[in-house]
Amino acid sequence: MYQFTSITQNQSPEVIWEKAIKHLAFLESILSIKKVTYTLVNVNADMITYTGDNRSGGKTESIQKTDFIEAVTSLNALKNFTTATAKEILKSVLYRKRGPLFAILLETGIIEKLR
């Protein structure tokens, strides 16, 4: 089970996006909850592009800023969530990108695991 940190739960999704891309710009890869490595290909103001172990035949995938903001808004409304509960609220474009999305949110300190 995860939640937004005490700092990020009150920040706007746009501020959270900026925090994420600034942090990720200095990394080569991130690790998912299930220990899948996502290699960061490009991080810019509009999207985060990555490749993942055994995902899409090694092709690059992206999370667009608008989709990220929508996901952050929806997840923050839940207070506590998992990748399973996120299935119900994420639109189809992000539904199958829950692993990379959660990896980004955890790596950047936007969400934290509940103890």
N, C-alpha and C. Protein backbone atom coordinates (compact mmCIF):
# COMPACT_ATOMS: atom_id res chain seq x y z
N MET A 1 0.85 -1.17 0.00
CA MET A 1 0.00 0.00 0.00
C MET A 1 0.90 1.24 0.00
N TYR A 2 0.51 2.24 -0.77
CA TYR A 2 1.29 3.46 -0.94
C TYR A 2 0.44 4.69 -0.67
N GLN A 3 1.13 5.80 -0.42
CA GLN A 3 0.46 7.08 -0.24
C GLN A 3 1.41 8.19 -0.71
N PHE A 4 0.86 9.35 -1.00
CA PHE A 4 1.70 10.51 -1.30
C PHE A 4 2.37 10.94 0.00
N THR A 5 3.57 11.47 -0.10
CA THR A 5 4.28 11.93 1.10
C THR A 5 3.56 13.14 1.68
N SER A 6 3.89 13.47 2.91
CA SER A 6 3.25 14.61 3.55
C SER A 6 3.53 15.90 2.78
N ILE A 7 4.64 15.96 2.09
CA ILE A 7 4.96 17.16 1.29
C ILE A 7 4.18 17.16 -0.02
N THR A 8 4.20 16.04 -0.73
CA THR A 8 3.60 16.03 -2.08
C THR A 8 2.08 15.94 -2.08
N GLN A 9 1.47 15.47 -1.00
CA GLN A 9 0.02 15.35 -1.01
C GLN A 9 -0.69 16.70 -1.12
N ASN A 10 0.01 17.76 -0.78
CA ASN A 10 -0.58 19.10 -0.87
C ASN A 10 -0.05 19.92 -2.03
N GLN A 11 0.81 19.31 -2.85
CA GLN A 11 1.34 20.03 -4.00
C GLN A 11 0.46 19.79 -5.23
N SER A 12 0.49 20.74 -6.14
CA SER A 12 -0.28 20.58 -7.37
C SER A 12 0.38 19.51 -8.24
N PRO A 13 -0.41 18.84 -9.08
CA PRO A 13 0.16 17.84 -9.98
C PRO A 13 1.24 18.42 -10.89
N GLU A 14 1.12 19.68 -11.26
CA GLU A 14 2.13 20.33 -12.11
C GLU A 14 3.46 20.47 -11.38
N VAL A 15 3.42 20.82 -10.10
CA VAL A 15 4.63 20.92 -9.29
C VAL A 15 5.25 19.53 -9.12
N ILE A 16 4.42 18.53 -8.92
CA ILE A 16 4.90 17.15 -8.79
C ILE A 16 5.57 16.69 -10.09
N TRP A 17 5.00 17.04 -11.25
CA TRP A 17 5.62 16.71 -12.54
C TRP A 17 7.02 17.34 -12.63
N GLU A 18 7.11 18.61 -12.29
CA GLU A 18 8.40 19.29 -12.36
C GLU A 18 9.42 18.62 -11.43
N LYS A 19 8.98 18.25 -10.25
CA LYS A 19 9.87 17.56 -9.31
C LYS A 19 10.35 16.25 -9.93
N ALA A 20 9.45 15.52 -10.54
CA ALA A 20 9.79 14.22 -11.14
C ALA A 20 10.81 14.37 -12.25
N ILE A 21 10.56 15.28 -13.18
CA ILE A 21 11.48 15.37 -14.33
C ILE A 21 12.84 15.93 -13.92
N LYS A 22 12.87 16.81 -12.93
CA LYS A 22 14.17 17.33 -12.45
C LYS A 22 14.99 16.21 -11.81
N HIS A 23 14.34 15.38 -11.05
CA HIS A 23 15.03 14.27 -10.39
C HIS A 23 15.49 13.22 -11.42
N LEU A 24 14.60 12.85 -12.32
CA LEU A 24 14.91 11.80 -13.29
C LEU A 24 15.96 12.22 -14.31
N ALA A 25 16.11 13.50 -14.54
CA ALA A 25 17.07 13.99 -15.53
C ALA A 25 18.50 13.56 -15.21
N PHE A 26 18.77 13.24 -13.96
CA PHE A 26 20.12 12.87 -13.54
C PHE A 26 20.32 11.36 -13.43
N LEU A 27 19.29 10.59 -13.78
CA LEU A 27 19.37 9.13 -13.65
C LEU A 27 19.41 8.44 -15.00
N GLU A 28 19.98 7.26 -15.02
CA GLU A 28 19.98 6.44 -16.23
C GLU A 28 18.87 5.41 -16.21
N SER A 29 18.50 4.96 -15.00
CA SER A 29 17.45 3.94 -14.89
C SER A 29 16.77 4.05 -13.53
N ILE A 30 15.61 3.40 -13.45
CA ILE A 30 14.85 3.33 -12.20
C ILE A 30 14.36 1.89 -12.03
N LEU A 31 14.02 1.52 -10.82
CA LEU A 31 13.62 0.16 -10.50
C LEU A 31 12.16 0.14 -10.06
N SER A 32 11.40 -0.81 -10.60
CA SER A 32 9.98 -0.90 -10.26
C SER A 32 9.79 -1.63 -8.93
N ILE A 33 8.56 -1.67 -8.48
CA ILE A 33 8.19 -2.37 -7.26
C ILE A 33 8.57 -3.84 -7.37
N LYS A 34 8.43 -4.41 -8.57
CA LYS A 34 8.73 -5.83 -8.80
C LYS A 34 10.15 -6.04 -9.29
N LYS A 35 11.00 -5.03 -9.07
CA LYS A 35 12.42 -5.09 -9.40
C LYS A 35 12.71 -5.18 -10.90
N VAL A 36 11.83 -4.61 -11.71
CA VAL A 36 12.07 -4.47 -13.14
C VAL A 36 12.82 -3.17 -13.36
N THR A 37 13.87 -3.20 -14.16
CA THR A 37 14.64 -2.01 -14.46
C THR A 37 14.07 -1.31 -15.68
N TYR A 38 13.82 -0.03 -15.55
CA TYR A 38 13.40 0.81 -16.66
C TYR A 38 14.54 1.77 -16.97
N THR A 39 15.03 1.69 -18.20
CA THR A 39 16.10 2.57 -18.64
C THR A 39 15.48 3.86 -19.17
N LEU A 40 15.91 4.97 -18.64
CA LEU A 40 15.38 6.26 -19.06
C LEU A 40 16.07 6.68 -20.35
N VAL A 41 15.29 6.90 -21.38
CA VAL A 41 15.80 7.27 -22.70
C VAL A 41 15.82 8.78 -22.87
N ASN A 42 14.73 9.42 -22.43
CA ASN A 42 14.61 10.87 -22.57
C ASN A 42 13.65 11.38 -21.50
N VAL A 43 14.05 12.45 -20.85
CA VAL A 43 13.19 13.11 -19.86
C VAL A 43 13.16 14.57 -20.25
N ASN A 44 11.96 15.08 -20.56
CA ASN A 44 11.85 16.49 -20.92
C ASN A 44 10.54 17.06 -20.37
N ALA A 45 10.25 18.29 -20.69
CA ALA A 45 9.09 18.98 -20.13
C ALA A 45 7.76 18.37 -20.55
N ASP A 46 7.76 17.57 -21.61
CA ASP A 46 6.50 17.02 -22.14
C ASP A 46 6.29 15.54 -21.86
N MET A 47 7.38 14.78 -21.66
CA MET A 47 7.22 13.34 -21.46
C MET A 47 8.46 12.71 -20.86
N ILE A 48 8.24 11.49 -20.34
CA ILE A 48 9.32 10.65 -19.85
C ILE A 48 9.30 9.41 -20.75
N THR A 49 10.42 9.16 -21.43
CA THR A 49 10.52 8.03 -22.34
C THR A 49 11.49 7.01 -21.75
N TYR A 50 11.13 5.74 -21.84
CA TYR A 50 11.91 4.67 -21.21
C TYR A 50 11.77 3.37 -22.00
N THR A 51 12.63 2.43 -21.69
CA THR A 51 12.49 1.05 -22.14
C THR A 51 12.54 0.19 -20.88
N GLY A 52 11.91 -0.97 -20.95
CA GLY A 52 11.88 -1.84 -19.79
C GLY A 52 12.27 -3.26 -20.12
N ASP A 53 12.77 -3.96 -19.11
CA ASP A 53 13.08 -5.37 -19.27
C ASP A 53 11.82 -6.11 -19.74
N ASN A 54 11.92 -6.73 -20.87
CA ASN A 54 10.82 -7.56 -21.40
C ASN A 54 9.52 -6.80 -21.62
N ARG A 55 9.57 -5.52 -21.92
CA ARG A 55 8.36 -4.74 -22.21
C ARG A 55 8.36 -4.34 -23.67
N SER A 56 7.27 -4.57 -24.34
CA SER A 56 7.07 -4.10 -25.71
C SER A 56 8.21 -4.46 -26.65
N GLY A 57 8.80 -5.61 -26.44
CA GLY A 57 9.88 -6.04 -27.32
C GLY A 57 11.08 -5.11 -27.33
N GLY A 58 11.30 -4.40 -26.24
CA GLY A 58 12.43 -3.49 -26.16
C GLY A 58 12.20 -2.12 -26.79
N LYS A 59 10.99 -1.91 -27.31
CA LYS A 59 10.68 -0.60 -27.90
C LYS A 59 10.50 0.44 -26.79
N THR A 60 10.74 1.69 -27.15
CA THR A 60 10.56 2.75 -26.17
C THR A 60 9.07 3.00 -25.93
N GLU A 61 8.77 3.43 -24.71
CA GLU A 61 7.42 3.83 -24.32
C GLU A 61 7.54 5.18 -23.63
N SER A 62 6.43 5.89 -23.57
CA SER A 62 6.45 7.21 -22.94
C SER A 62 5.26 7.39 -22.00
N ILE A 63 5.49 8.21 -21.01
CA ILE A 63 4.40 8.73 -20.17
C ILE A 63 4.35 10.22 -20.44
N GLN A 64 3.25 10.66 -21.00
CA GLN A 64 3.06 12.07 -21.34
C GLN A 64 2.77 12.88 -20.08
N LYS A 65 3.16 14.12 -20.09
CA LYS A 65 2.90 15.03 -18.96
C LYS A 65 1.42 15.06 -18.60
N THR A 66 0.56 15.19 -19.59
CA THR A 66 -0.88 15.28 -19.31
C THR A 66 -1.41 14.02 -18.65
N ASP A 67 -0.93 12.85 -19.09
CA ASP A 67 -1.37 11.59 -18.49
C ASP A 67 -0.83 11.44 -17.07
N PHE A 68 0.41 11.87 -16.86
CA PHE A 68 1.02 11.83 -15.53
C PHE A 68 0.22 12.70 -14.57
N ILE A 69 -0.10 13.90 -14.98
CA ILE A 69 -0.86 14.82 -14.14
C ILE A 69 -2.23 14.25 -13.79
N GLU A 70 -2.88 13.66 -14.77
CA GLU A 70 -4.19 13.05 -14.53
C GLU A 70 -4.07 11.89 -13.54
N ALA A 71 -3.03 11.07 -13.70
CA ALA A 71 -2.83 9.94 -12.79
C ALA A 71 -2.54 10.40 -11.37
N VAL A 72 -1.69 11.41 -11.23
CA VAL A 72 -1.36 11.94 -9.90
C VAL A 72 -2.62 12.49 -9.23
N THR A 73 -3.43 13.20 -9.97
CA THR A 73 -4.68 13.75 -9.44
C THR A 73 -5.59 12.62 -8.94
N SER A 74 -5.74 11.59 -9.75
CA SER A 74 -6.61 10.46 -9.40
C SER A 74 -6.08 9.67 -8.21
N LEU A 75 -4.79 9.38 -8.21
CA LEU A 75 -4.20 8.62 -7.11
C LEU A 75 -4.23 9.39 -5.80
N ASN A 76 -3.96 10.67 -5.86
CA ASN A 76 -3.96 11.49 -4.65
C ASN A 76 -5.34 11.54 -4.01
N ALA A 77 -6.38 11.44 -4.81
CA ALA A 77 -7.75 11.43 -4.28
C ALA A 77 -8.04 10.16 -3.48
N LEU A 78 -7.31 9.08 -3.76
CA LEU A 78 -7.53 7.81 -3.06
C LEU A 78 -6.93 7.77 -1.67
N LYS A 79 -5.94 8.59 -1.42
CA LYS A 79 -5.20 8.63 -0.16
C LYS A 79 -4.24 7.44 -0.05
N ASN A 80 -4.73 6.19 -0.03
CA ASN A 80 -3.89 5.00 -0.01
C ASN A 80 -4.24 4.16 -1.23
N PHE A 81 -3.23 3.55 -1.86
CA PHE A 81 -3.50 2.83 -3.09
C PHE A 81 -2.41 1.80 -3.35
N THR A 82 -2.70 0.88 -4.25
CA THR A 82 -1.75 -0.11 -4.74
C THR A 82 -1.82 -0.09 -6.27
N THR A 83 -0.95 -0.86 -6.91
CA THR A 83 -1.06 -0.93 -8.37
C THR A 83 -2.39 -1.57 -8.76
N ALA A 84 -2.91 -2.46 -7.91
CA ALA A 84 -4.19 -3.10 -8.20
C ALA A 84 -5.34 -2.11 -8.08
N THR A 85 -5.37 -1.30 -7.04
CA THR A 85 -6.47 -0.33 -6.90
C THR A 85 -6.33 0.77 -7.93
N ALA A 86 -5.12 1.02 -8.39
CA ALA A 86 -4.91 2.04 -9.42
C ALA A 86 -5.53 1.62 -10.75
N LYS A 87 -5.65 0.31 -10.97
CA LYS A 87 -6.26 -0.19 -12.21
C LYS A 87 -7.63 0.44 -12.45
N GLU A 88 -8.36 0.61 -11.39
CA GLU A 88 -9.74 1.08 -11.49
C GLU A 88 -9.86 2.55 -11.86
N ILE A 89 -8.81 3.33 -11.63
CA ILE A 89 -8.94 4.76 -11.86
C ILE A 89 -8.08 5.31 -12.99
N LEU A 90 -7.10 4.53 -13.42
CA LEU A 90 -6.22 5.03 -14.48
C LEU A 90 -6.84 4.76 -15.84
N LYS A 91 -6.77 5.76 -16.71
CA LYS A 91 -7.32 5.56 -18.04
C LYS A 91 -6.45 4.57 -18.80
N SER A 92 -6.98 4.04 -19.87
CA SER A 92 -6.34 2.93 -20.57
C SER A 92 -4.91 3.19 -20.99
N VAL A 93 -4.57 4.42 -21.34
CA VAL A 93 -3.21 4.71 -21.78
C VAL A 93 -2.19 4.48 -20.66
N LEU A 94 -2.57 4.68 -19.43
CA LEU A 94 -1.66 4.46 -18.30
C LEU A 94 -1.93 3.15 -17.57
N TYR A 95 -3.04 2.52 -17.85
CA TYR A 95 -3.40 1.28 -17.17
C TYR A 95 -2.27 0.26 -17.26
N ARG A 96 -1.73 0.05 -18.47
CA ARG A 96 -0.66 -0.93 -18.63
C ARG A 96 0.73 -0.36 -18.35
N LYS A 97 0.79 0.90 -17.95
CA LYS A 97 2.06 1.53 -17.59
C LYS A 97 2.15 1.79 -16.09
N ARG A 98 1.36 1.05 -15.32
CA ARG A 98 1.37 1.25 -13.87
C ARG A 98 2.75 0.98 -13.27
N GLY A 99 3.44 -0.05 -13.76
CA GLY A 99 4.77 -0.38 -13.24
C GLY A 99 5.74 0.78 -13.38
N PRO A 100 5.92 1.29 -14.60
CA PRO A 100 6.81 2.44 -14.76
C PRO A 100 6.33 3.68 -14.00
N LEU A 101 5.03 3.91 -13.98
CA LEU A 101 4.49 5.07 -13.27
C LEU A 101 4.84 4.99 -11.79
N PHE A 102 4.59 3.84 -11.16
CA PHE A 102 4.90 3.68 -9.74
C PHE A 102 6.40 3.77 -9.51
N ALA A 103 7.21 3.24 -10.43
CA ALA A 103 8.67 3.35 -10.31
C ALA A 103 9.09 4.82 -10.28
N ILE A 104 8.51 5.61 -11.16
CA ILE A 104 8.81 7.05 -11.20
C ILE A 104 8.39 7.72 -9.90
N LEU A 105 7.18 7.45 -9.45
CA LEU A 105 6.66 8.08 -8.24
C LEU A 105 7.48 7.72 -7.00
N LEU A 106 7.91 6.47 -6.91
CA LEU A 106 8.74 6.05 -5.77
C LEU A 106 10.15 6.60 -5.85
N GLU A 107 10.76 6.49 -7.01
CA GLU A 107 12.15 6.94 -7.18
C GLU A 107 12.30 8.42 -6.87
N THR A 108 11.31 9.20 -7.22
CA THR A 108 11.39 10.65 -7.05
C THR A 108 10.89 11.12 -5.68
N GLY A 109 10.46 10.18 -4.84
CA GLY A 109 10.01 10.53 -3.50
C GLY A 109 8.64 11.18 -3.46
N ILE A 110 7.86 10.96 -4.49
CA ILE A 110 6.51 11.53 -4.55
C ILE A 110 5.54 10.70 -3.72
N ILE A 111 5.71 9.37 -3.79
CA ILE A 111 4.91 8.48 -2.95
C ILE A 111 5.84 7.68 -2.07
N GLU A 112 5.25 7.08 -1.04
CA GLU A 112 6.01 6.24 -0.12
C GLU A 112 5.19 5.02 0.24
N LYS A 113 5.89 3.97 0.60
CA LYS A 113 5.22 2.74 1.01
C LYS A 113 4.75 2.90 2.45
N LEU A 114 3.52 2.49 2.71
CA LEU A 114 3.01 2.53 4.08
C LEU A 114 3.64 1.40 4.88
N ARG A 115 3.90 1.66 6.11
CA ARG A 115 4.53 0.64 6.97
C ARG A 115 3.49 -0.09 7.75
